[in-house]
Amino acid sequence: MSEYNPELEEEVDSEIRDELREPPMYRVLLHNDDYTAMDFVVEILMLVFNKSPEEAVNIMLNVHRKGIGLCGVYTYEVSETKVETVHAVARGQGFPLKCTMEKE
């Protein structure tokens, strides 16, 4: 059996740390349209993005006034799931609400 070599352990540990990186993050955005009800947008923000009623209203007003609103920043998989959920719920209620994601 070989003797313990702390230099070798440090080298391996350093290589592992170099390989670990934070995942890229993505902004999830809602876009304004002329058909989706404001109350529905607030509901979506509370249901899908776990926003408080006050936060949801503020984001909805950004969507309404500026044409776009930031719902949150998440990893790719979480962002993708939230976008798909928004589209599924909106279509189920007959609204054309557009939700996108973009890399930070």
N, C-alpha and C. Protein backbone atom coordinates (compact mmCIF):
# COMPACT_ATOMS: atom_id res chain seq x y z
N MET A 1 0.85 -1.18 0.00
CA MET A 1 0.00 0.00 0.00
C MET A 1 0.89 1.24 0.00
N SER A 2 0.51 2.26 -0.77
CA SER A 2 1.34 3.44 -0.87
C SER A 2 1.11 4.38 0.33
N GLU A 3 2.11 5.24 0.54
CA GLU A 3 2.01 6.19 1.63
C GLU A 3 1.13 7.36 1.23
N TYR A 4 0.57 8.02 2.24
CA TYR A 4 -0.27 9.19 2.03
C TYR A 4 0.58 10.35 1.53
N ASN A 5 0.11 11.00 0.45
CA ASN A 5 0.85 12.12 -0.13
C ASN A 5 -0.09 13.33 -0.21
N PRO A 6 0.04 14.30 0.70
CA PRO A 6 -0.87 15.45 0.71
C PRO A 6 -0.78 16.30 -0.55
N GLU A 7 0.36 16.33 -1.21
CA GLU A 7 0.50 17.11 -2.44
C GLU A 7 -0.39 16.55 -3.55
N LEU A 8 -0.45 15.24 -3.63
CA LEU A 8 -1.29 14.59 -4.64
C LEU A 8 -2.76 14.88 -4.35
N GLU A 9 -3.17 14.83 -3.11
CA GLU A 9 -4.56 15.12 -2.74
C GLU A 9 -4.92 16.56 -3.10
N GLU A 10 -4.02 17.48 -2.83
CA GLU A 10 -4.26 18.89 -3.13
C GLU A 10 -4.42 19.09 -4.64
N GLU A 11 -3.62 18.41 -5.43
CA GLU A 11 -3.69 18.53 -6.89
C GLU A 11 -5.03 18.03 -7.41
N VAL A 12 -5.49 16.89 -6.93
CA VAL A 12 -6.76 16.32 -7.36
C VAL A 12 -7.91 17.22 -6.91
N ASP A 13 -7.87 17.69 -5.67
CA ASP A 13 -8.90 18.57 -5.14
C ASP A 13 -8.99 19.85 -5.97
N SER A 14 -7.86 20.39 -6.34
CA SER A 14 -7.81 21.62 -7.14
C SER A 14 -8.44 21.39 -8.51
N GLU A 15 -8.18 20.26 -9.13
CA GLU A 15 -8.75 19.95 -10.44
C GLU A 15 -10.27 19.86 -10.36
N ILE A 16 -10.79 19.26 -9.30
CA ILE A 16 -12.24 19.12 -9.14
C ILE A 16 -12.88 20.50 -8.97
N ARG A 17 -12.28 21.35 -8.15
CA ARG A 17 -12.83 22.69 -7.94
C ARG A 17 -12.84 23.49 -9.23
N ASP A 18 -11.84 23.33 -10.07
CA ASP A 18 -11.77 24.06 -11.33
C ASP A 18 -12.91 23.66 -12.27
N GLU A 19 -13.37 22.42 -12.18
CA GLU A 19 -14.40 21.93 -13.09
C GLU A 19 -15.80 22.38 -12.68
N LEU A 20 -16.01 22.70 -11.42
CA LEU A 20 -17.33 23.11 -10.95
C LEU A 20 -17.57 24.58 -11.26
N ARG A 21 -18.69 24.84 -11.90
CA ARG A 21 -19.06 26.22 -12.23
C ARG A 21 -20.53 26.41 -11.92
N GLU A 22 -20.87 27.65 -11.63
CA GLU A 22 -22.28 27.98 -11.45
C GLU A 22 -22.98 27.82 -12.80
N PRO A 23 -24.21 27.28 -12.80
CA PRO A 23 -24.91 27.15 -14.07
C PRO A 23 -25.32 28.52 -14.59
N PRO A 24 -25.42 28.67 -15.90
CA PRO A 24 -25.89 29.95 -16.44
C PRO A 24 -27.33 30.19 -16.00
N MET A 25 -27.66 31.44 -15.82
CA MET A 25 -28.99 31.80 -15.36
C MET A 25 -29.77 32.46 -16.49
N TYR A 26 -31.09 32.32 -16.43
CA TYR A 26 -31.97 32.83 -17.48
C TYR A 26 -33.09 33.67 -16.87
N ARG A 27 -33.36 34.80 -17.51
CA ARG A 27 -34.48 35.66 -17.11
C ARG A 27 -35.75 35.13 -17.77
N VAL A 28 -36.81 35.04 -17.00
CA VAL A 28 -38.11 34.65 -17.55
C VAL A 28 -38.95 35.92 -17.65
N LEU A 29 -39.48 36.18 -18.84
CA LEU A 29 -40.17 37.43 -19.14
C LEU A 29 -41.59 37.18 -19.64
N LEU A 30 -42.50 38.05 -19.22
CA LEU A 30 -43.85 38.06 -19.77
C LEU A 30 -43.96 39.24 -20.71
N HIS A 31 -44.70 39.05 -21.82
CA HIS A 31 -44.85 40.09 -22.84
C HIS A 31 -46.30 40.55 -22.90
N ASN A 32 -46.47 41.82 -23.15
CA ASN A 32 -47.81 42.40 -23.23
C ASN A 32 -48.51 41.97 -24.52
N ASP A 33 -49.82 41.83 -24.43
CA ASP A 33 -50.66 41.64 -25.62
C ASP A 33 -51.98 42.35 -25.36
N ASP A 34 -52.80 42.44 -26.36
CA ASP A 34 -54.07 43.17 -26.24
C ASP A 34 -55.23 42.29 -25.78
N TYR A 35 -54.97 41.04 -25.44
CA TYR A 35 -56.06 40.11 -25.17
C TYR A 35 -56.04 39.50 -23.77
N THR A 36 -54.88 39.30 -23.20
CA THR A 36 -54.80 38.64 -21.90
C THR A 36 -55.22 39.60 -20.79
N ALA A 37 -56.13 39.14 -19.95
CA ALA A 37 -56.65 39.97 -18.86
C ALA A 37 -55.58 40.21 -17.80
N MET A 38 -55.57 41.42 -17.27
CA MET A 38 -54.58 41.78 -16.25
C MET A 38 -54.72 40.88 -15.01
N ASP A 39 -55.95 40.58 -14.62
CA ASP A 39 -56.17 39.71 -13.46
C ASP A 39 -55.56 38.33 -13.69
N PHE A 40 -55.66 37.84 -14.93
CA PHE A 40 -55.09 36.54 -15.25
C PHE A 40 -53.57 36.56 -15.13
N VAL A 41 -52.94 37.64 -15.59
CA VAL A 41 -51.49 37.77 -15.49
C VAL A 41 -51.07 37.75 -14.01
N VAL A 42 -51.80 38.44 -13.16
CA VAL A 42 -51.51 38.43 -11.73
C VAL A 42 -51.63 37.01 -11.18
N GLU A 43 -52.67 36.29 -11.59
CA GLU A 43 -52.85 34.90 -11.14
C GLU A 43 -51.68 34.02 -11.58
N ILE A 44 -51.25 34.18 -12.82
CA ILE A 44 -50.12 33.41 -13.34
C ILE A 44 -48.87 33.68 -12.50
N LEU A 45 -48.62 34.95 -12.22
CA LEU A 45 -47.43 35.32 -11.45
C LEU A 45 -47.46 34.72 -10.05
N MET A 46 -48.62 34.66 -9.45
CA MET A 46 -48.74 34.08 -8.12
C MET A 46 -48.65 32.56 -8.18
N LEU A 47 -49.28 31.95 -9.17
CA LEU A 47 -49.33 30.49 -9.30
C LEU A 47 -48.00 29.90 -9.75
N VAL A 48 -47.46 30.41 -10.83
CA VAL A 48 -46.26 29.81 -11.45
C VAL A 48 -44.97 30.32 -10.83
N PHE A 49 -44.96 31.61 -10.46
CA PHE A 49 -43.72 32.22 -9.98
C PHE A 49 -43.71 32.49 -8.48
N ASN A 50 -44.76 32.06 -7.79
CA ASN A 50 -44.86 32.20 -6.33
C ASN A 50 -44.67 33.65 -5.86
N LYS A 51 -45.21 34.58 -6.60
CA LYS A 51 -45.12 35.99 -6.23
C LYS A 51 -46.25 36.34 -5.27
N SER A 52 -45.97 37.29 -4.39
CA SER A 52 -47.02 37.80 -3.50
C SER A 52 -47.98 38.61 -4.36
N PRO A 53 -49.19 38.86 -3.86
CA PRO A 53 -50.12 39.68 -4.65
C PRO A 53 -49.54 41.04 -5.03
N GLU A 54 -48.80 41.66 -4.12
CA GLU A 54 -48.22 42.98 -4.40
C GLU A 54 -47.15 42.89 -5.49
N GLU A 55 -46.28 41.89 -5.38
CA GLU A 55 -45.24 41.70 -6.41
C GLU A 55 -45.88 41.41 -7.76
N ALA A 56 -46.89 40.57 -7.75
CA ALA A 56 -47.56 40.18 -8.99
C ALA A 56 -48.18 41.39 -9.68
N VAL A 57 -48.83 42.25 -8.91
CA VAL A 57 -49.44 43.45 -9.49
C VAL A 57 -48.36 44.36 -10.07
N ASN A 58 -47.25 44.53 -9.37
CA ASN A 58 -46.17 45.39 -9.88
C ASN A 58 -45.60 44.85 -11.18
N ILE A 59 -45.38 43.55 -11.26
CA ILE A 59 -44.85 42.95 -12.49
C ILE A 59 -45.87 43.09 -13.62
N MET A 60 -47.15 42.82 -13.30
CA MET A 60 -48.21 42.96 -14.31
C MET A 60 -48.26 44.39 -14.85
N LEU A 61 -48.09 45.37 -13.98
CA LEU A 61 -48.10 46.77 -14.43
C LEU A 61 -46.90 47.07 -15.33
N ASN A 62 -45.75 46.47 -15.04
CA ASN A 62 -44.59 46.62 -15.93
C ASN A 62 -44.90 46.03 -17.30
N VAL A 63 -45.52 44.86 -17.30
CA VAL A 63 -45.89 44.22 -18.57
C VAL A 63 -46.84 45.14 -19.33
N HIS A 64 -47.82 45.67 -18.64
CA HIS A 64 -48.84 46.51 -19.28
C HIS A 64 -48.26 47.83 -19.78
N ARG A 65 -47.45 48.48 -18.97
CA ARG A 65 -46.94 49.82 -19.31
C ARG A 65 -45.69 49.80 -20.19
N LYS A 66 -44.80 48.84 -19.93
CA LYS A 66 -43.52 48.81 -20.65
C LYS A 66 -43.46 47.75 -21.74
N GLY A 67 -44.45 46.88 -21.76
CA GLY A 67 -44.49 45.84 -22.79
C GLY A 67 -43.82 44.54 -22.38
N ILE A 68 -43.13 44.56 -21.25
CA ILE A 68 -42.41 43.37 -20.80
C ILE A 68 -42.22 43.45 -19.28
N GLY A 69 -42.19 42.28 -18.64
CA GLY A 69 -41.98 42.25 -17.20
C GLY A 69 -41.13 41.06 -16.81
N LEU A 70 -40.21 41.28 -15.90
CA LEU A 70 -39.32 40.22 -15.41
C LEU A 70 -40.02 39.45 -14.30
N CYS A 71 -40.16 38.13 -14.52
CA CYS A 71 -40.82 37.27 -13.54
C CYS A 71 -39.83 36.66 -12.56
N GLY A 72 -38.60 36.45 -13.00
CA GLY A 72 -37.59 35.85 -12.14
C GLY A 72 -36.39 35.40 -12.94
N VAL A 73 -35.36 34.97 -12.23
CA VAL A 73 -34.13 34.48 -12.85
C VAL A 73 -33.86 33.09 -12.29
N TYR A 74 -33.71 32.12 -13.21
CA TYR A 74 -33.61 30.71 -12.82
C TYR A 74 -32.59 29.99 -13.70
N THR A 75 -32.29 28.76 -13.34
CA THR A 75 -31.46 27.92 -14.20
C THR A 75 -32.24 27.60 -15.47
N TYR A 76 -31.56 27.05 -16.46
CA TYR A 76 -32.19 26.77 -17.75
C TYR A 76 -33.42 25.87 -17.60
N GLU A 77 -33.27 24.77 -16.89
CA GLU A 77 -34.35 23.80 -16.79
C GLU A 77 -35.56 24.39 -16.08
N VAL A 78 -35.32 25.12 -15.00
CA VAL A 78 -36.43 25.74 -14.26
C VAL A 78 -37.11 26.80 -15.14
N SER A 79 -36.32 27.61 -15.83
CA SER A 79 -36.88 28.63 -16.71
C SER A 79 -37.73 28.01 -17.80
N GLU A 80 -37.21 26.97 -18.41
CA GLU A 80 -37.94 26.29 -19.49
C GLU A 80 -39.27 25.74 -18.99
N THR A 81 -39.26 25.15 -17.81
CA THR A 81 -40.48 24.60 -17.24
C THR A 81 -41.49 25.69 -16.94
N LYS A 82 -41.04 26.82 -16.41
CA LYS A 82 -41.95 27.92 -16.10
C LYS A 82 -42.55 28.51 -17.36
N VAL A 83 -41.75 28.67 -18.41
CA VAL A 83 -42.27 29.18 -19.69
C VAL A 83 -43.34 28.23 -20.23
N GLU A 84 -43.06 26.94 -20.22
CA GLU A 84 -44.03 25.95 -20.72
C GLU A 84 -45.30 25.93 -19.88
N THR A 85 -45.16 26.07 -18.57
CA THR A 85 -46.32 26.09 -17.68
C THR A 85 -47.20 27.31 -17.96
N VAL A 86 -46.57 28.48 -18.10
CA VAL A 86 -47.33 29.70 -18.42
C VAL A 86 -48.11 29.50 -19.71
N HIS A 87 -47.45 28.99 -20.75
CA HIS A 87 -48.12 28.81 -22.04
C HIS A 87 -49.28 27.81 -21.92
N ALA A 88 -49.06 26.72 -21.21
CA ALA A 88 -50.11 25.70 -21.07
C ALA A 88 -51.32 26.25 -20.32
N VAL A 89 -51.09 26.94 -19.21
CA VAL A 89 -52.20 27.49 -18.43
C VAL A 89 -52.92 28.58 -19.22
N ALA A 90 -52.16 29.45 -19.86
CA ALA A 90 -52.76 30.54 -20.64
C ALA A 90 -53.60 29.99 -21.79
N ARG A 91 -53.07 29.04 -22.52
CA ARG A 91 -53.82 28.46 -23.65
C ARG A 91 -55.07 27.76 -23.15
N GLY A 92 -54.94 27.10 -22.00
CA GLY A 92 -56.10 26.43 -21.41
C GLY A 92 -57.22 27.39 -21.07
N GLN A 93 -56.88 28.64 -20.79
CA GLN A 93 -57.88 29.66 -20.47
C GLN A 93 -58.22 30.54 -21.68
N GLY A 94 -57.63 30.22 -22.84
CA GLY A 94 -57.94 30.96 -24.06
C GLY A 94 -57.18 32.26 -24.23
N PHE A 95 -56.04 32.41 -23.53
CA PHE A 95 -55.25 33.63 -23.64
C PHE A 95 -53.96 33.36 -24.42
N PRO A 96 -53.53 34.33 -25.23
CA PRO A 96 -52.30 34.17 -26.01
C PRO A 96 -51.05 34.70 -25.29
N LEU A 97 -51.04 34.67 -23.98
CA LEU A 97 -49.94 35.25 -23.20
C LEU A 97 -48.59 34.66 -23.64
N LYS A 98 -47.65 35.55 -23.92
CA LYS A 98 -46.32 35.13 -24.37
C LYS A 98 -45.34 35.23 -23.21
N CYS A 99 -44.60 34.15 -23.02
CA CYS A 99 -43.57 34.09 -21.98
C CYS A 99 -42.30 33.58 -22.64
N THR A 100 -41.19 34.25 -22.38
CA THR A 100 -39.91 33.84 -22.98
C THR A 100 -38.84 33.79 -21.91
N MET A 101 -37.70 33.26 -22.30
CA MET A 101 -36.54 33.25 -21.42
C MET A 101 -35.33 33.70 -22.22
N GLU A 102 -34.41 34.38 -21.54
CA GLU A 102 -33.18 34.84 -22.19
C GLU A 102 -32.03 34.70 -21.20
N LYS A 103 -30.89 34.35 -21.74
CA LYS A 103 -29.70 34.16 -20.91
C LYS A 103 -29.26 35.49 -20.31
N GLU A 104 -28.88 35.45 -19.05
CA GLU A 104 -28.40 36.67 -18.38
C GLU A 104 -27.05 37.07 -18.88
